[in-house]
Amino acid sequence: MTEPIKPIFDKQIFWDVDFEKIDYEAKANWVIVRVFERGDVQDIRNCRRFYGDERVSEALLNAKFLMLKTLYLASAIVEKPIEDFKCYKNRQLNPALFPY
């Protein structure tokens, strides 16, 4: 049995986990969000090639949190308005941090 093909990403994106042990199928949504948050253009292209645009769109649209710059990038790539993103809706429900 051959080993499944792994996508090519910069190891610095996954600095806090064992890069060799990442399960790219079971943790696909986490990997996609992490690549969009911390990767460069080439990493994002590799992510889209590996997972396909439909799976990438689904992961980004349902992400619980995306940085604002990542949200706008994701909106442009998946060609959906930011209002369709779950993280945008969550941000509207909680507009400010709690005053502790």
N, C-alpha and C. Protein backbone atom coordinates (compact mmCIF):
# COMPACT_ATOMS: atom_id res chain seq x y z
N MET A 1 0.85 -1.19 0.00
CA MET A 1 0.00 0.00 0.00
C MET A 1 0.89 1.25 0.00
N THR A 2 0.58 2.19 -0.86
CA THR A 2 1.37 3.40 -0.94
C THR A 2 0.88 4.43 0.06
N GLU A 3 1.81 5.25 0.50
CA GLU A 3 1.47 6.31 1.45
C GLU A 3 0.76 7.43 0.71
N PRO A 4 -0.31 8.00 1.30
CA PRO A 4 -1.03 9.07 0.61
C PRO A 4 -0.14 10.29 0.37
N ILE A 5 -0.41 10.98 -0.70
CA ILE A 5 0.36 12.17 -1.05
C ILE A 5 0.03 13.29 -0.07
N LYS A 6 1.06 13.94 0.43
CA LYS A 6 0.86 15.06 1.36
C LYS A 6 1.04 16.38 0.62
N PRO A 7 0.29 17.40 1.00
CA PRO A 7 0.48 18.70 0.37
C PRO A 7 1.81 19.31 0.83
N ILE A 8 2.30 20.24 0.06
CA ILE A 8 3.57 20.90 0.38
C ILE A 8 3.26 22.24 1.03
N PHE A 9 3.58 22.34 2.32
CA PHE A 9 3.38 23.58 3.07
C PHE A 9 4.68 23.93 3.80
N ASP A 10 4.85 25.20 4.08
CA ASP A 10 5.98 25.65 4.89
C ASP A 10 5.78 25.13 6.32
N LYS A 11 6.79 24.53 6.87
CA LYS A 11 6.69 23.95 8.22
C LYS A 11 6.43 25.01 9.29
N GLN A 12 6.78 26.26 9.01
CA GLN A 12 6.58 27.33 9.99
C GLN A 12 5.09 27.59 10.25
N ILE A 13 4.23 27.23 9.32
CA ILE A 13 2.78 27.41 9.51
C ILE A 13 2.32 26.55 10.69
N PHE A 14 2.92 25.39 10.82
CA PHE A 14 2.53 24.43 11.85
C PHE A 14 3.62 24.31 12.90
N TRP A 15 4.10 25.43 13.37
CA TRP A 15 5.23 25.47 14.31
C TRP A 15 4.91 24.82 15.65
N ASP A 16 3.66 24.75 16.03
CA ASP A 16 3.28 24.28 17.36
C ASP A 16 2.85 22.82 17.41
N VAL A 17 2.91 22.12 16.29
CA VAL A 17 2.53 20.70 16.25
C VAL A 17 3.63 19.91 15.54
N ASP A 18 3.61 18.60 15.69
CA ASP A 18 4.56 17.74 14.98
C ASP A 18 4.14 17.68 13.51
N PHE A 19 4.87 18.36 12.68
CA PHE A 19 4.54 18.52 11.26
C PHE A 19 4.39 17.17 10.56
N GLU A 20 5.19 16.20 10.91
CA GLU A 20 5.17 14.90 10.25
C GLU A 20 3.94 14.07 10.62
N LYS A 21 3.27 14.40 11.72
CA LYS A 21 2.15 13.60 12.18
C LYS A 21 0.78 14.22 11.89
N ILE A 22 0.74 15.29 11.11
CA ILE A 22 -0.54 15.93 10.79
C ILE A 22 -1.36 15.00 9.90
N ASP A 23 -2.61 14.78 10.28
CA ASP A 23 -3.54 13.99 9.48
C ASP A 23 -4.32 14.97 8.60
N TYR A 24 -3.92 15.06 7.33
CA TYR A 24 -4.47 16.06 6.43
C TYR A 24 -5.93 15.81 6.06
N GLU A 25 -6.42 14.61 6.24
CA GLU A 25 -7.82 14.33 5.96
C GLU A 25 -8.70 14.56 7.19
N ALA A 26 -8.31 14.00 8.31
CA ALA A 26 -9.13 14.13 9.53
C ALA A 26 -9.16 15.57 10.04
N LYS A 27 -8.10 16.31 9.85
CA LYS A 27 -7.99 17.69 10.34
C LYS A 27 -8.00 18.70 9.20
N ALA A 28 -8.72 18.39 8.12
CA ALA A 28 -8.71 19.22 6.92
C ALA A 28 -9.14 20.66 7.19
N ASN A 29 -10.22 20.86 7.92
CA ASN A 29 -10.69 22.22 8.18
C ASN A 29 -9.66 23.02 8.95
N TRP A 30 -9.05 22.40 9.95
CA TRP A 30 -8.02 23.07 10.75
C TRP A 30 -6.83 23.44 9.88
N VAL A 31 -6.40 22.51 9.03
CA VAL A 31 -5.25 22.75 8.16
C VAL A 31 -5.56 23.90 7.19
N ILE A 32 -6.73 23.89 6.59
CA ILE A 32 -7.10 24.94 5.63
C ILE A 32 -7.10 26.31 6.29
N VAL A 33 -7.73 26.42 7.45
CA VAL A 33 -7.78 27.72 8.15
C VAL A 33 -6.37 28.15 8.53
N ARG A 34 -5.56 27.23 9.04
CA ARG A 34 -4.20 27.56 9.45
C ARG A 34 -3.38 28.04 8.27
N VAL A 35 -3.51 27.41 7.13
CA VAL A 35 -2.76 27.82 5.94
C VAL A 35 -3.19 29.22 5.50
N PHE A 36 -4.48 29.49 5.50
CA PHE A 36 -4.96 30.81 5.10
C PHE A 36 -4.55 31.88 6.10
N GLU A 37 -4.49 31.54 7.38
CA GLU A 37 -4.10 32.51 8.41
C GLU A 37 -2.60 32.82 8.37
N ARG A 38 -1.77 31.79 8.17
CA ARG A 38 -0.33 31.96 8.36
C ARG A 38 0.53 31.69 7.14
N GLY A 39 -0.07 31.17 6.08
CA GLY A 39 0.71 30.81 4.90
C GLY A 39 0.88 31.96 3.93
N ASP A 40 1.76 31.75 2.96
CA ASP A 40 1.93 32.75 1.91
C ASP A 40 1.11 32.32 0.69
N VAL A 41 1.26 33.03 -0.41
CA VAL A 41 0.47 32.77 -1.60
C VAL A 41 0.68 31.35 -2.11
N GLN A 42 1.92 30.90 -2.12
CA GLN A 42 2.21 29.55 -2.61
C GLN A 42 1.56 28.48 -1.72
N ASP A 43 1.57 28.69 -0.42
CA ASP A 43 0.94 27.75 0.50
C ASP A 43 -0.57 27.68 0.24
N ILE A 44 -1.19 28.83 0.01
CA ILE A 44 -2.62 28.87 -0.28
C ILE A 44 -2.93 28.16 -1.60
N ARG A 45 -2.09 28.37 -2.59
CA ARG A 45 -2.28 27.67 -3.87
C ARG A 45 -2.17 26.16 -3.69
N ASN A 46 -1.18 25.71 -2.93
CA ASN A 46 -1.00 24.28 -2.67
C ASN A 46 -2.20 23.71 -1.91
N CYS A 47 -2.72 24.49 -0.99
CA CYS A 47 -3.90 24.07 -0.22
C CYS A 47 -5.10 23.90 -1.14
N ARG A 48 -5.31 24.83 -2.03
CA ARG A 48 -6.44 24.75 -2.95
C ARG A 48 -6.28 23.59 -3.92
N ARG A 49 -5.04 23.33 -4.36
CA ARG A 49 -4.79 22.18 -5.24
C ARG A 49 -5.07 20.87 -4.53
N PHE A 50 -4.63 20.76 -3.29
CA PHE A 50 -4.76 19.51 -2.55
C PHE A 50 -6.21 19.22 -2.16
N TYR A 51 -6.89 20.22 -1.61
CA TYR A 51 -8.25 20.01 -1.09
C TYR A 51 -9.35 20.31 -2.10
N GLY A 52 -9.08 21.13 -3.08
CA GLY A 52 -10.10 21.53 -4.04
C GLY A 52 -10.86 22.75 -3.53
N ASP A 53 -11.34 23.56 -4.44
CA ASP A 53 -11.99 24.81 -4.07
C ASP A 53 -13.27 24.61 -3.25
N GLU A 54 -14.00 23.55 -3.52
CA GLU A 54 -15.25 23.32 -2.79
C GLU A 54 -14.99 23.05 -1.30
N ARG A 55 -14.01 22.21 -1.03
CA ARG A 55 -13.69 21.88 0.37
C ARG A 55 -13.07 23.08 1.08
N VAL A 56 -12.24 23.83 0.39
CA VAL A 56 -11.64 25.04 0.97
C VAL A 56 -12.73 26.05 1.28
N SER A 57 -13.66 26.25 0.36
CA SER A 57 -14.77 27.19 0.58
C SER A 57 -15.59 26.80 1.79
N GLU A 58 -15.92 25.52 1.89
CA GLU A 58 -16.72 25.03 3.01
C GLU A 58 -16.01 25.26 4.34
N ALA A 59 -14.71 24.97 4.39
CA ALA A 59 -13.95 25.14 5.63
C ALA A 59 -13.88 26.61 6.03
N LEU A 60 -13.65 27.49 5.07
CA LEU A 60 -13.53 28.92 5.39
C LEU A 60 -14.88 29.53 5.75
N LEU A 61 -15.93 29.14 5.05
CA LEU A 61 -17.26 29.68 5.36
C LEU A 61 -17.73 29.26 6.75
N ASN A 62 -17.29 28.10 7.22
CA ASN A 62 -17.74 27.59 8.52
C ASN A 62 -16.72 27.78 9.64
N ALA A 63 -15.62 28.46 9.37
CA ALA A 63 -14.60 28.68 10.40
C ALA A 63 -15.18 29.53 11.53
N LYS A 64 -14.86 29.16 12.76
CA LYS A 64 -15.37 29.90 13.91
C LYS A 64 -14.69 31.26 14.06
N PHE A 65 -13.43 31.35 13.62
CA PHE A 65 -12.71 32.62 13.71
C PHE A 65 -11.73 32.74 12.57
N LEU A 66 -11.68 33.90 11.96
CA LEU A 66 -10.66 34.28 10.99
C LEU A 66 -10.27 35.71 11.29
N MET A 67 -8.97 36.00 11.20
CA MET A 67 -8.54 37.38 11.34
C MET A 67 -9.20 38.19 10.22
N LEU A 68 -9.39 39.48 10.46
CA LEU A 68 -10.11 40.31 9.50
C LEU A 68 -9.47 40.28 8.12
N LYS A 69 -8.14 40.37 8.05
CA LYS A 69 -7.46 40.35 6.74
C LYS A 69 -7.67 39.01 6.05
N THR A 70 -7.69 37.93 6.82
CA THR A 70 -7.92 36.60 6.26
C THR A 70 -9.37 36.47 5.78
N LEU A 71 -10.29 37.08 6.51
CA LEU A 71 -11.70 37.05 6.12
C LEU A 71 -11.89 37.71 4.75
N TYR A 72 -11.26 38.86 4.54
CA TYR A 72 -11.38 39.54 3.25
C TYR A 72 -10.71 38.75 2.12
N LEU A 73 -9.56 38.13 2.41
CA LEU A 73 -8.89 37.29 1.42
C LEU A 73 -9.77 36.09 1.07
N ALA A 74 -10.31 35.44 2.09
CA ALA A 74 -11.17 34.27 1.87
C ALA A 74 -12.41 34.66 1.07
N SER A 75 -12.97 35.81 1.37
CA SER A 75 -14.14 36.30 0.65
C SER A 75 -13.83 36.47 -0.83
N ALA A 76 -12.67 36.99 -1.14
CA ALA A 76 -12.28 37.19 -2.54
C ALA A 76 -12.02 35.86 -3.23
N ILE A 77 -11.43 34.92 -2.53
CA ILE A 77 -11.08 33.64 -3.14
C ILE A 77 -12.32 32.77 -3.37
N VAL A 78 -13.20 32.70 -2.39
CA VAL A 78 -14.39 31.85 -2.55
C VAL A 78 -15.54 32.58 -3.23
N GLU A 79 -15.35 33.87 -3.50
CA GLU A 79 -16.32 34.70 -4.22
C GLU A 79 -17.67 34.73 -3.52
N LYS A 80 -17.62 34.94 -2.22
CA LYS A 80 -18.83 35.10 -1.40
C LYS A 80 -18.65 36.37 -0.56
N PRO A 81 -19.75 37.06 -0.27
CA PRO A 81 -19.63 38.25 0.59
C PRO A 81 -19.26 37.85 2.02
N ILE A 82 -18.62 38.76 2.74
CA ILE A 82 -18.18 38.43 4.10
C ILE A 82 -19.36 38.11 5.01
N GLU A 83 -20.53 38.59 4.67
CA GLU A 83 -21.72 38.32 5.49
C GLU A 83 -22.10 36.84 5.50
N ASP A 84 -21.61 36.07 4.52
CA ASP A 84 -21.91 34.63 4.45
C ASP A 84 -21.01 33.79 5.35
N PHE A 85 -19.98 34.39 5.92
CA PHE A 85 -19.02 33.65 6.74
C PHE A 85 -19.51 33.56 8.19
N LYS A 86 -19.41 32.38 8.75
CA LYS A 86 -19.84 32.14 10.13
C LYS A 86 -19.07 33.03 11.11
N CYS A 87 -17.77 33.21 10.87
CA CYS A 87 -16.97 34.03 11.79
C CYS A 87 -17.40 35.49 11.74
N TYR A 88 -17.86 35.97 10.60
CA TYR A 88 -18.35 37.35 10.50
C TYR A 88 -19.63 37.51 11.31
N LYS A 89 -20.52 36.53 11.21
CA LYS A 89 -21.76 36.58 11.97
C LYS A 89 -21.48 36.53 13.47
N ASN A 90 -20.54 35.68 13.87
CA ASN A 90 -20.16 35.62 15.29
C ASN A 90 -19.57 36.94 15.77
N ARG A 91 -18.78 37.57 14.91
CA ARG A 91 -18.17 38.85 15.27
C ARG A 91 -19.24 39.93 15.46
N GLN A 92 -20.31 39.87 14.68
CA GLN A 92 -21.40 40.84 14.81
C GLN A 92 -22.18 40.63 16.10
N LEU A 93 -22.26 39.39 16.55
CA LEU A 93 -22.96 39.10 17.80
C LEU A 93 -22.16 39.52 19.02
N ASN A 94 -20.82 39.53 18.89
CA ASN A 94 -19.92 39.90 19.98
C ASN A 94 -18.97 40.99 19.50
N PRO A 95 -19.44 42.22 19.35
CA PRO A 95 -18.63 43.26 18.72
C PRO A 95 -17.42 43.72 19.53
N ALA A 96 -17.43 43.57 20.84
CA ALA A 96 -16.32 44.04 21.65
C ALA A 96 -15.90 42.97 22.63
N LEU A 97 -14.69 43.08 23.07
CA LEU A 97 -14.20 42.16 24.09
C LEU A 97 -14.90 42.47 25.43
N PHE A 98 -14.97 41.46 26.27
CA PHE A 98 -15.57 41.69 27.58
C PHE A 98 -14.68 42.61 28.42
N PRO A 99 -15.26 43.57 29.13
CA PRO A 99 -14.47 44.56 29.90
C PRO A 99 -13.97 43.99 31.24
N TYR A 100 -12.95 43.16 31.20
CA TYR A 100 -12.38 42.62 32.44
C TYR A 100 -11.14 43.38 32.82
